[in-house]
Structures are given as C-alpha cells and as structure tokens.
Amino acid sequence: MKQPNDVFNDLQARFSEMLKNSPAKDVERNVKAMLSQGFSKLDLVTREEFDTQAQVLARTRLRLEELERRVAELEQKLSARADSV
C-alpha cells in the first residue's frame, strides 16, 4: 500500500510532466501551495517521527513490564516476611 507522501509525490511528478511547457505551470504552483498550506494545518507527523515514538513506546513498555515484575517480587517477599512473623 502506498503511503500518502508517495501518492502526493506521484501526483506532483505527473502534474509536472504534463505541465512542463504549459501556462498551467502557475496553476501547479498554486495547487502545491494550497496543498502545503492544507497539510500544515493538519496535525501530521513524519514517518521518521512516528517510528521514533514507536521505538520510545516499545522501550517504555519493556521497562514498565520489568518494573511490574520487580514490584511483584518485592510484594511476594514482603508477604512471605509478614507470614513468618
């Protein structure tokens, strides 16, 4: 499946090729400006930013699982100590 950036890059390349020697070059420039302005208003992130955050989330999840395991061990030790008293 194509990513949105790929689709827009393909569209841009096709428009550029069709309009090389056409007075419609101004239209292309205006469409690009409108698309850029529209995308800037959307709350989008780059693929690189998304991948970075996914990695941070995976590391955080692993750390949380480790801490949960350690808390369970400490609770078990505390319970065992309370039972022996």
Foldseek 3Di string as FASTA:
>chain_A
DDDPVVVVVVVLVVVCVVCVPHPCVVVSVVVVVVVVVVVVPDPDDDPVVVVVVVVVVVVVVVVVVVVVVVVVVVVVVVVVVVVVD
